[in-house]
Amino acid sequence: VLEQIKKQISKLVDVKEIITMSEEESVCRELMLVKVGVT
């Protein structure tokens, strides 16, 4: 399925580059906001 995803994305005209990001060779981050009820 993952290989098919890459092949299908590659067929889209707008896509110029696809890079598979590995943990060792990339920096992956996410931002979170969390509101906590406290006394």
PDB file of all heavy atoms in Angstrom:
ATOM      1  N   VAL A   1       0.838  -1.200   0.000  1.00  0.00           N
ATOM      2  CA  VAL A   1       0.000   0.000   0.000  1.00  0.00           C
ATOM      3  C   VAL A   1       0.877   1.255   0.000  1.00  0.00           C
ATOM      4  O   VAL A   1       0.626   2.202  -0.757  1.00  0.00           O
ATOM      5  CB  VAL A   1      -0.971   0.012   1.205  1.00  0.00           C
ATOM      6  CG1 VAL A   1      -1.593   1.381   1.413  1.00  0.00           C
ATOM      7  CG2 VAL A   1      -2.051  -1.040   1.020  1.00  0.00           C
ATOM      8  N   LEU A   2       1.923   1.263   0.821  1.00  0.00           N
ATOM      9  CA  LEU A   2       2.786   2.439   0.894  1.00  0.00           C
ATOM     10  C   LEU A   2       3.495   2.686  -0.432  1.00  0.00           C
ATOM     11  O   LEU A   2       3.645   3.833  -0.866  1.00  0.00           O
ATOM     12  CB  LEU A   2       3.790   2.299   2.039  1.00  0.00           C
ATOM     13  CG  LEU A   2       3.177   2.227   3.441  1.00  0.00           C
ATOM     14  CD1 LEU A   2       4.257   2.065   4.497  1.00  0.00           C
ATOM     15  CD2 LEU A   2       2.308   3.428   3.743  1.00  0.00           C
ATOM     16  N   GLU A   3       3.913   1.630  -1.108  1.00  0.00           N
ATOM     17  CA  GLU A   3       4.534   1.772  -2.426  1.00  0.00           C
ATOM     18  C   GLU A   3       3.521   2.300  -3.439  1.00  0.00           C
ATOM     19  O   GLU A   3       3.833   3.157  -4.268  1.00  0.00           O
ATOM     20  CB  GLU A   3       5.117   0.434  -2.876  1.00  0.00           C
ATOM     21  CG  GLU A   3       6.052   0.553  -4.059  1.00  0.00           C
ATOM     22  CD  GLU A   3       7.236   1.492  -3.825  1.00  0.00           C
ATOM     23  OE1 GLU A   3       7.803   1.527  -2.715  1.00  0.00           O
ATOM     24  OE2 GLU A   3       7.587   2.221  -4.780  1.00  0.00           O
ATOM     25  N   GLN A   4       2.285   1.807  -3.362  1.00  0.00           N
ATOM     26  CA  GLN A   4       1.225   2.283  -4.263  1.00  0.00           C
ATOM     27  C   GLN A   4       0.931   3.770  -4.023  1.00  0.00           C
ATOM     28  O   GLN A   4       0.689   4.514  -4.968  1.00  0.00           O
ATOM     29  CB  GLN A   4      -0.051   1.459  -4.071  1.00  0.00           C
ATOM     30  CG  GLN A   4      -0.002   0.097  -4.727  1.00  0.00           C
ATOM     31  CD  GLN A   4       0.199   0.224  -6.233  1.00  0.00           C
ATOM     32  OE1 GLN A   4      -0.497   0.965  -6.907  1.00  0.00           O
ATOM     33  NE2 GLN A   4       1.176  -0.503  -6.743  1.00  0.00           N
ATOM     34  N   ILE A   5       0.956   4.184  -2.774  1.00  0.00           N
ATOM     35  CA  ILE A   5       0.727   5.597  -2.453  1.00  0.00           C
ATOM     36  C   ILE A   5       1.752   6.457  -3.172  1.00  0.00           C
ATOM     37  O   ILE A   5       1.410   7.445  -3.829  1.00  0.00           O
ATOM     38  CB  ILE A   5       0.756   5.827  -0.919  1.00  0.00           C
ATOM     39  CG1 ILE A   5      -0.497   5.252  -0.271  1.00  0.00           C
ATOM     40  CG2 ILE A   5       0.922   7.311  -0.589  1.00  0.00           C
ATOM     41  CD1 ILE A   5      -0.466   5.242   1.247  1.00  0.00           C
ATOM     42  N   LYS A   6       3.034   6.087  -3.071  1.00  0.00           N
ATOM     43  CA  LYS A   6       4.080   6.866  -3.728  1.00  0.00           C
ATOM     44  C   LYS A   6       3.894   6.885  -5.245  1.00  0.00           C
ATOM     45  O   LYS A   6       4.029   7.937  -5.882  1.00  0.00           O
ATOM     46  CB  LYS A   6       5.469   6.315  -3.365  1.00  0.00           C
ATOM     47  CG  LYS A   6       5.852   6.593  -1.924  1.00  0.00           C
ATOM     48  CD  LYS A   6       7.294   6.300  -1.643  1.00  0.00           C
ATOM     49  CE  LYS A   6       7.540   4.823  -1.479  1.00  0.00           C
ATOM     50  NZ  LYS A   6       8.896   4.511  -1.037  1.00  0.00           N
ATOM     51  N   LYS A   7       3.542   5.758  -5.822  1.00  0.00           N
ATOM     52  CA  LYS A   7       3.348   5.695  -7.274  1.00  0.00           C
ATOM     53  C   LYS A   7       2.169   6.543  -7.707  1.00  0.00           C
ATOM     54  O   LYS A   7       2.230   7.236  -8.725  1.00  0.00           O
ATOM     55  CB  LYS A   7       3.151   4.245  -7.715  1.00  0.00           C
ATOM     56  CG  LYS A   7       4.429   3.441  -7.691  1.00  0.00           C
ATOM     57  CD  LYS A   7       4.178   2.003  -8.118  1.00  0.00           C
ATOM     58  CE  LYS A   7       5.468   1.205  -8.048  1.00  0.00           C
ATOM     59  NZ  LYS A   7       5.259  -0.210  -8.359  1.00  0.00           N
ATOM     60  N   GLN A   8       1.074   6.493  -6.952  1.00  0.00           N
ATOM     61  CA  GLN A   8      -0.111   7.272  -7.314  1.00  0.00           C
ATOM     62  C   GLN A   8       0.149   8.775  -7.169  1.00  0.00           C
ATOM     63  O   GLN A   8      -0.260   9.563  -8.019  1.00  0.00           O
ATOM     64  CB  GLN A   8      -1.318   6.862  -6.459  1.00  0.00           C
ATOM     65  CG  GLN A   8      -1.800   5.453  -6.704  1.00  0.00           C
ATOM     66  CD  GLN A   8      -2.271   5.233  -8.135  1.00  0.00           C
ATOM     67  OE1 GLN A   8      -2.906   6.088  -8.713  1.00  0.00           O
ATOM     68  NE2 GLN A   8      -1.938   4.085  -8.703  1.00  0.00           N
ATOM     69  N   ILE A   9       0.839   9.175  -6.110  1.00  0.00           N
ATOM     70  CA  ILE A   9       1.169  10.590  -5.923  1.00  0.00           C
ATOM     71  C   ILE A   9       2.063  11.073  -7.060  1.00  0.00           C
ATOM     72  O   ILE A   9       1.908  12.191  -7.563  1.00  0.00           O
ATOM     73  CB  ILE A   9       1.828  10.831  -4.544  1.00  0.00           C
ATOM     74  CG1 ILE A   9       0.806  10.645  -3.422  1.00  0.00           C
ATOM     75  CG2 ILE A   9       2.436  12.231  -4.473  1.00  0.00           C
ATOM     76  CD1 ILE A   9       1.405  10.682  -2.034  1.00  0.00           C
ATOM     77  N   SER A  10       2.994  10.233  -7.485  1.00  0.00           N
ATOM     78  CA  SER A  10       3.932  10.630  -8.535  1.00  0.00           C
ATOM     79  C   SER A  10       3.235  10.928  -9.855  1.00  0.00           C
ATOM     80  O   SER A  10       3.770  11.642 -10.695  1.00  0.00           O
ATOM     81  CB  SER A  10       4.990   9.551  -8.745  1.00  0.00           C
ATOM     82  OG  SER A  10       4.429   8.429  -9.406  1.00  0.00           O
ATOM     83  N   LYS A  11       2.036  10.413 -10.055  1.00  0.00           N
ATOM     84  CA  LYS A  11       1.294  10.637 -11.295  1.00  0.00           C
ATOM     85  C   LYS A  11       0.608  11.996 -11.339  1.00  0.00           C
ATOM     86  O   LYS A  11       0.151  12.424 -12.404  1.00  0.00           O
ATOM     87  CB  LYS A  11       0.256   9.531 -11.495  1.00  0.00           C
ATOM     88  CG  LYS A  11       0.880   8.174 -11.761  1.00  0.00           C
ATOM     89  CD  LYS A  11      -0.183   7.110 -11.908  1.00  0.00           C
ATOM     90  CE  LYS A  11       0.455   5.744 -12.100  1.00  0.00           C
ATOM     91  NZ  LYS A  11      -0.560   4.701 -12.234  1.00  0.00           N
ATOM     92  N   LEU A  12       0.510  12.671 -10.201  1.00  0.00           N
ATOM     93  CA  LEU A  12      -0.137  13.977 -10.158  1.00  0.00           C
ATOM     94  C   LEU A  12       0.780  15.032 -10.791  1.00  0.00           C
ATOM     95  O   LEU A  12       1.961  15.121 -10.459  1.00  0.00           O
ATOM     96  CB  LEU A  12      -0.484  14.372  -8.725  1.00  0.00           C
ATOM     97  CG  LEU A  12      -1.511  13.480  -8.021  1.00  0.00           C
ATOM     98  CD1 LEU A  12      -1.643  13.872  -6.561  1.00  0.00           C
ATOM     99  CD2 LEU A  12      -2.859  13.544  -8.720  1.00  0.00           C
ATOM    100  N   VAL A  13       0.234  15.813 -11.691  1.00  0.00           N
ATOM    101  CA  VAL A  13       1.004  16.795 -12.455  1.00  0.00           C
ATOM    102  C   VAL A  13       1.683  17.824 -11.555  1.00  0.00           C
ATOM    103  O   VAL A  13       2.816  18.233 -11.817  1.00  0.00           O
ATOM    104  CB  VAL A  13       0.084  17.510 -13.483  1.00  0.00           C
ATOM    105  CG1 VAL A  13       0.807  18.635 -14.194  1.00  0.00           C
ATOM    106  CG2 VAL A  13      -0.478  16.512 -14.471  1.00  0.00           C
ATOM    107  N   ASP A  14       1.017  18.228 -10.483  1.00  0.00           N
ATOM    108  CA  ASP A  14       1.551  19.269  -9.597  1.00  0.00           C
ATOM    109  C   ASP A  14       2.746  18.812  -8.769  1.00  0.00           C
ATOM    110  O   ASP A  14       3.480  19.633  -8.242  1.00  0.00           O
ATOM    111  CB  ASP A  14       0.461  19.733  -8.618  1.00  0.00           C
ATOM    112  CG  ASP A  14      -0.716  20.383  -9.319  1.00  0.00           C
ATOM    113  OD1 ASP A  14      -0.482  21.238 -10.184  1.00  0.00           O
ATOM    114  OD2 ASP A  14      -1.865  20.025  -9.007  1.00  0.00           O
ATOM    115  N   VAL A  15       2.949  17.506  -8.620  1.00  0.00           N
ATOM    116  CA  VAL A  15       3.993  16.980  -7.744  1.00  0.00           C
ATOM    117  C   VAL A  15       5.331  16.991  -8.478  1.00  0.00           C
ATOM    118  O   VAL A  15       5.479  16.365  -9.526  1.00  0.00           O
ATOM    119  CB  VAL A  15       3.652  15.552  -7.255  1.00  0.00           C
ATOM    120  CG1 VAL A  15       4.786  14.990  -6.419  1.00  0.00           C
ATOM    121  CG2 VAL A  15       2.352  15.576  -6.451  1.00  0.00           C
ATOM    122  N   LYS A  16       6.297  17.713  -7.917  1.00  0.00           N
ATOM    123  CA  LYS A  16       7.620  17.841  -8.523  1.00  0.00           C
ATOM    124  C   LYS A  16       8.658  16.945  -7.863  1.00  0.00           C
ATOM    125  O   LYS A  16       9.642  16.585  -8.478  1.00  0.00           O
ATOM    126  CB  LYS A  16       8.100  19.299  -8.463  1.00  0.00           C
ATOM    127  CG  LYS A  16       7.179  20.252  -9.188  1.00  0.00           C
ATOM    128  CD  LYS A  16       7.012  19.826 -10.635  1.00  0.00           C
ATOM    129  CE  LYS A  16       5.962  20.635 -11.347  1.00  0.00           C
ATOM    130  NZ  LYS A  16       5.481  19.992 -12.553  1.00  0.00           N
ATOM    131  N   GLU A  17       8.433  16.618  -6.594  1.00  0.00           N
ATOM    132  CA  GLU A  17       9.435  15.866  -5.851  1.00  0.00           C
ATOM    133  C   GLU A  17       8.748  15.112  -4.723  1.00  0.00           C
ATOM    134  O   GLU A  17       7.846  15.662  -4.089  1.00  0.00           O
ATOM    135  CB  GLU A  17      10.429  16.886  -5.279  1.00  0.00           C
ATOM    136  CG  GLU A  17      11.744  16.380  -4.864  1.00  0.00           C
ATOM    137  CD  GLU A  17      12.653  17.552  -4.479  1.00  0.00           C
ATOM    138  OE1 GLU A  17      12.590  17.973  -3.312  1.00  0.00           O
ATOM    139  OE2 GLU A  17      13.396  18.046  -5.346  1.00  0.00           O
ATOM    140  N   ILE A  18       9.182  13.882  -4.501  1.00  0.00           N
ATOM    141  CA  ILE A  18       8.700  13.097  -3.363  1.00  0.00           C
ATOM    142  C   ILE A  18       9.931  12.606  -2.614  1.00  0.00           C
ATOM    143  O   ILE A  18      10.783  11.941  -3.195  1.00  0.00           O
ATOM    144  CB  ILE A  18       7.862  11.879  -3.801  1.00  0.00           C
ATOM    145  CG1 ILE A  18       6.641  12.311  -4.616  1.00  0.00           C
ATOM    146  CG2 ILE A  18       7.434  11.062  -2.570  1.00  0.00           C
ATOM    147  CD1 ILE A  18       5.855  11.148  -5.200  1.00  0.00           C
ATOM    148  N   ILE A  19      10.012  12.943  -1.350  1.00  0.00           N
ATOM    149  CA  ILE A  19      11.126  12.490  -0.519  1.00  0.00           C
ATOM    150  C   ILE A  19      10.552  11.665   0.622  1.00  0.00           C
ATOM    151  O   ILE A  19       9.655  12.109   1.338  1.00  0.00           O
ATOM    152  CB  ILE A  19      11.928  13.670   0.065  1.00  0.00           C
ATOM    153  CG1 ILE A  19      12.424  14.583  -1.058  1.00  0.00           C
ATOM    154  CG2 ILE A  19      13.091  13.161   0.904  1.00  0.00           C
ATOM    155  CD1 ILE A  19      13.043  15.875  -0.565  1.00  0.00           C
ATOM    156  N   THR A  20      11.048  10.441   0.774  1.00  0.00           N
ATOM    157  CA  THR A  20      10.682   9.606   1.913  1.00  0.00           C
ATOM    158  C   THR A  20      11.568  10.043   3.077  1.00  0.00           C
ATOM    159  O   THR A  20      12.792   9.973   2.995  1.00  0.00           O
ATOM    160  CB  THR A  20      10.896   8.117   1.597  1.00  0.00           C
ATOM    161  OG1 THR A  20      10.137   7.783   0.431  1.00  0.00           O
ATOM    162  CG2 THR A  20      10.473   7.245   2.773  1.00  0.00           C
ATOM    163  N   MET A  21      10.950  10.518   4.137  1.00  0.00           N
ATOM    164  CA  MET A  21      11.694  11.059   5.277  1.00  0.00           C
ATOM    165  C   MET A  21      11.961   9.954   6.301  1.00  0.00           C
ATOM    166  O   MET A  21      11.019   9.398   6.864  1.00  0.00           O
ATOM    167  CB  MET A  21      10.893  12.185   5.936  1.00  0.00           C
ATOM    168  CG  MET A  21      10.448  13.301   4.983  1.00  0.00           C
ATOM    169  SD  MET A  21      11.773  14.101   4.096  1.00  0.00           S
ATOM    170  CE  MET A  21      12.350  15.230   5.320  1.00  0.00           C
ATOM    171  N   SER A  22      13.226   9.652   6.512  1.00  0.00           N
ATOM    172  CA  SER A  22      13.586   8.663   7.527  1.00  0.00           C
ATOM    173  C   SER A  22      13.916   9.392   8.826  1.00  0.00           C
ATOM    174  O   SER A  22      14.299  10.565   8.809  1.00  0.00           O
ATOM    175  CB  SER A  22      14.797   7.842   7.068  1.00  0.00           C
ATOM    176  OG  SER A  22      15.965   8.651   7.054  1.00  0.00           O
ATOM    177  N   GLU A  23      13.770   8.705   9.941  1.00  0.00           N
ATOM    178  CA  GLU A  23      14.039   9.315  11.248  1.00  0.00           C
ATOM    179  C   GLU A  23      15.484   9.776  11.373  1.00  0.00           C
ATOM    180  O   GLU A  23      15.768  10.791  11.976  1.00  0.00           O
ATOM    181  CB  GLU A  23      13.710   8.330  12.380  1.00  0.00           C
ATOM    182  CG  GLU A  23      12.232   8.196  12.631  1.00  0.00           C
ATOM    183  CD  GLU A  23      11.940   7.338  13.845  1.00  0.00           C
ATOM    184  OE1 GLU A  23      12.677   7.440  14.846  1.00  0.00           O
ATOM    185  OE2 GLU A  23      10.965   6.561  13.785  1.00  0.00           O
ATOM    186  N   GLU A  24      16.407   8.999  10.787  1.00  0.00           N
ATOM    187  CA  GLU A  24      17.831   9.308  10.910  1.00  0.00           C
ATOM    188  C   GLU A  24      18.240  10.515  10.073  1.00  0.00           C
ATOM    189  O   GLU A  24      19.148  11.247  10.443  1.00  0.00           O
ATOM    190  CB  GLU A  24      18.697   8.121  10.475  1.00  0.00           C
ATOM    191  CG  GLU A  24      18.383   6.796  11.138  1.00  0.00           C
ATOM    192  CD  GLU A  24      17.175   6.091  10.510  1.00  0.00           C
ATOM    193  OE1 GLU A  24      17.023   6.114   9.270  1.00  0.00           O
ATOM    194  OE2 GLU A  24      16.377   5.528  11.276  1.00  0.00           O
ATOM    195  N   GLU A  25      17.605  10.711   8.936  1.00  0.00           N
ATOM    196  CA  GLU A  25      18.058  11.734   7.990  1.00  0.00           C
ATOM    197  C   GLU A  25      17.124  12.939   7.893  1.00  0.00           C
ATOM    198  O   GLU A  25      17.238  13.738   6.972  1.00  0.00           O
ATOM    199  CB  GLU A  25      18.238  11.103   6.608  1.00  0.00           C
ATOM    200  CG  GLU A  25      19.329  10.054   6.603  1.00  0.00           C
ATOM    201  CD  GLU A  25      19.442   9.326   5.277  1.00  0.00           C
ATOM    202  OE1 GLU A  25      18.386   9.054   4.666  1.00  0.00           O
ATOM    203  OE2 GLU A  25      20.566   9.039   4.866  1.00  0.00           O
ATOM    204  N   SER A  26      16.192  13.062   8.831  1.00  0.00           N
ATOM    205  CA  SER A  26      15.279  14.190   8.782  1.00  0.00           C
ATOM    206  C   SER A  26      14.894  14.637  10.186  1.00  0.00           C
ATOM    207  O   SER A  26      15.108  13.934  11.157  1.00  0.00           O
ATOM    208  CB  SER A  26      14.020  13.819   7.988  1.00  0.00           C
ATOM    209  OG  SER A  26      13.310  12.798   8.635  1.00  0.00           O
ATOM    210  N   VAL A  27      14.322  15.831  10.231  1.00  0.00           N
ATOM    211  CA  VAL A  27      13.774  16.364  11.473  1.00  0.00           C
ATOM    212  C   VAL A  27      12.270  16.488  11.257  1.00  0.00           C
ATOM    213  O   VAL A  27      11.819  17.178  10.346  1.00  0.00           O
ATOM    214  CB  VAL A  27      14.378  17.745  11.814  1.00  0.00           C
ATOM    215  CG1 VAL A  27      13.708  18.344  13.046  1.00  0.00           C
ATOM    216  CG2 VAL A  27      15.882  17.641  12.000  1.00  0.00           C
ATOM    217  N   CYS A  28      11.508  15.759  12.067  1.00  0.00           N
ATOM    218  CA  CYS A  28      10.043  15.765  11.995  1.00  0.00           C
ATOM    219  C   CYS A  28       9.507  16.355  13.294  1.00  0.00           C
ATOM    220  O   CYS A  28       9.893  15.907  14.375  1.00  0.00           O
ATOM    221  CB  CYS A  28       9.495  14.346  11.814  1.00  0.00           C
ATOM    222  SG  CYS A  28      10.018  13.532  10.300  1.00  0.00           S
ATOM    223  N   ARG A  29       8.629  17.340  13.173  1.00  0.00           N
ATOM    224  CA  ARG A  29       8.077  17.996  14.358  1.00  0.00           C
ATOM    225  C   ARG A  29       6.582  18.237  14.183  1.00  0.00           C
ATOM    226  O   ARG A  29       6.068  18.320  13.078  1.00  0.00           O
ATOM    227  CB  ARG A  29       8.760  19.342  14.611  1.00  0.00           C
ATOM    228  CG  ARG A  29      10.222  19.252  14.975  1.00  0.00           C
ATOM    229  CD  ARG A  29      10.423  18.607  16.334  1.00  0.00           C
ATOM    230  NE  ARG A  29      11.804  18.610  16.739  1.00  0.00           N
ATOM    231  CZ  ARG A  29      12.650  17.611  16.551  1.00  0.00           C
ATOM    232  NH1 ARG A  29      12.250  16.515  15.942  1.00  0.00           N
ATOM    233  NH2 ARG A  29      13.882  17.683  16.973  1.00  0.00           N
ATOM    234  N   GLU A  30       5.940  18.394  15.329  1.00  0.00           N
ATOM    235  CA  GLU A  30       4.522  18.714  15.372  1.00  0.00           C
ATOM    236  C   GLU A  30       4.329  19.748  16.477  1.00  0.00           C
ATOM    237  O   GLU A  30       5.030  19.740  17.482  1.00  0.00           O
ATOM    238  CB  GLU A  30       3.727  17.447  15.677  1.00  0.00           C
ATOM    239  CG  GLU A  30       2.242  17.636  15.681  1.00  0.00           C
ATOM    240  CD  GLU A  30       1.465  16.326  15.854  1.00  0.00           C
ATOM    241  OE1 GLU A  30       2.076  15.291  16.170  1.00  0.00           O
ATOM    242  OE2 GLU A  30       0.242  16.368  15.687  1.00  0.00           O
ATOM    243  N   LEU A  31       3.356  20.634  16.287  1.00  0.00           N
ATOM    244  CA  LEU A  31       3.015  21.642  17.289  1.00  0.00           C
ATOM    245  C   LEU A  31       1.677  21.268  17.904  1.00  0.00           C
ATOM    246  O   LEU A  31       0.769  20.830  17.191  1.00  0.00           O
ATOM    247  CB  LEU A  31       2.904  23.020  16.631  1.00  0.00           C
ATOM    248  CG  LEU A  31       2.311  24.148  17.487  1.00  0.00           C
ATOM    249  CD1 LEU A  31       3.258  24.539  18.608  1.00  0.00           C
ATOM    250  CD2 LEU A  31       1.999  25.342  16.610  1.00  0.00           C
ATOM    251  N   MET A  32       1.572  21.442  19.221  1.00  0.00           N
ATOM    252  CA  MET A  32       0.329  21.148  19.928  1.00  0.00           C
ATOM    253  C   MET A  32       0.027  22.295  20.881  1.00  0.00           C
ATOM    254  O   MET A  32       0.923  22.829  21.531  1.00  0.00           O
ATOM    255  CB  MET A  32       0.481  19.850  20.731  1.00  0.00           C
ATOM    256  CG  MET A  32      -0.712  19.530  21.619  1.00  0.00           C
ATOM    257  SD  MET A  32      -0.597  17.931  22.454  1.00  0.00           S
ATOM    258  CE  MET A  32       0.855  18.119  23.448  1.00  0.00           C
ATOM    259  N   LEU A  33      -1.253  22.664  20.947  1.00  0.00           N
ATOM    260  CA  LEU A  33      -1.758  23.558  21.981  1.00  0.00           C
ATOM    261  C   LEU A  33      -2.708  22.730  22.829  1.00  0.00           C
ATOM    262  O   LEU A  33      -3.555  22.015  22.292  1.00  0.00           O
ATOM    263  CB  LEU A  33      -2.516  24.739  21.379  1.00  0.00           C
ATOM    264  CG  LEU A  33      -1.714  25.751  20.581  1.00  0.00           C
ATOM    265  CD1 LEU A  33      -2.651  26.767  19.925  1.00  0.00           C
ATOM    266  CD2 LEU A  33      -0.692  26.459  21.446  1.00  0.00           C
ATOM    267  N   VAL A  34      -2.560  22.816  24.151  1.00  0.00           N
ATOM    268  CA  VAL A  34      -3.442  22.059  25.032  1.00  0.00           C
ATOM    269  C   VAL A  34      -3.871  22.949  26.196  1.00  0.00           C
ATOM    270  O   VAL A  34      -3.055  23.638  26.799  1.00  0.00           O
ATOM    271  CB  VAL A  34      -2.780  20.739  25.526  1.00  0.00           C
ATOM    272  CG1 VAL A  34      -1.514  21.006  26.298  1.00  0.00           C
ATOM    273  CG2 VAL A  34      -3.738  19.910  26.351  1.00  0.00           C
ATOM    274  N   LYS A  35      -5.180  22.966  26.457  1.00  0.00           N
ATOM    275  CA  LYS A  35      -5.740  23.734  27.565  1.00  0.00           C
ATOM    276  C   LYS A  35      -6.163  22.741  28.634  1.00  0.00           C
ATOM    277  O   LYS A  35      -6.960  21.838  28.375  1.00  0.00           O
ATOM    278  CB  LYS A  35      -6.948  24.552  27.117  1.00  0.00           C
ATOM    279  CG  LYS A  35      -7.488  25.474  28.208  1.00  0.00           C
ATOM    280  CD  LYS A  35      -8.794  26.137  27.838  1.00  0.00           C
ATOM    281  CE  LYS A  35      -8.693  26.987  26.616  1.00  0.00           C
ATOM    282  NZ  LYS A  35      -9.985  27.652  26.291  1.00  0.00           N
ATOM    283  N   VAL A  36      -5.632  22.931  29.836  1.00  0.00           N
ATOM    284  CA  VAL A  36      -5.881  22.010  30.945  1.00  0.00           C
ATOM    285  C   VAL A  36      -6.618  22.756  32.049  1.00  0.00           C
ATOM    286  O   VAL A  36      -6.200  23.837  32.466  1.00  0.00           O
ATOM    287  CB  VAL A  36      -4.546  21.445  31.495  1.00  0.00           C
ATOM    288  CG1 VAL A  36      -4.780  20.518  32.673  1.00  0.00           C
ATOM    289  CG2 VAL A  36      -3.773  20.733  30.397  1.00  0.00           C
ATOM    290  N   GLY A  37      -7.724  22.174  32.490  1.00  0.00           N
ATOM    291  CA  GLY A  37      -8.460  22.721  33.624  1.00  0.00           C
ATOM    292  C   GLY A  37      -7.712  22.401  34.900  1.00  0.00           C
ATOM    293  O   GLY A  37      -7.302  21.258  35.113  1.00  0.00           O
ATOM    294  N   VAL A  38      -7.492  23.431  35.739  1.00  0.00           N
ATOM    295  CA  VAL A  38      -6.728  23.235  36.972  1.00  0.00           C
ATOM    296  C   VAL A  38      -7.338  24.026  38.127  1.00  0.00           C
ATOM    297  O   VAL A  38      -7.948  25.067  37.931  1.00  0.00           O
ATOM    298  CB  VAL A  38      -5.251  23.673  36.806  1.00  0.00           C
ATOM    299  CG1 VAL A  38      -4.489  22.748  35.898  1.00  0.00           C
ATOM    300  CG2 VAL A  38      -5.141  25.103  36.332  1.00  0.00           C
ATOM    301  N   THR A  39      -7.125  23.484  39.318  1.00  0.00           N
ATOM    302  CA  THR A  39      -7.433  24.218  40.544  1.00  0.00           C
ATOM    303  C   THR A  39      -6.171  24.979  40.931  1.00  0.00           C
ATOM    304  O   THR A  39      -5.094  24.760  40.339  1.00  0.00           O
ATOM    305  CB  THR A  39      -7.823  23.257  41.677  1.00  0.00           C
ATOM    306  OG1 THR A  39      -6.687  22.417  41.960  1.00  0.00           O
ATOM    307  CG2 THR A  39      -9.021  22.397  41.300  1.00  0.00           C
TER     308      THR A  39
END
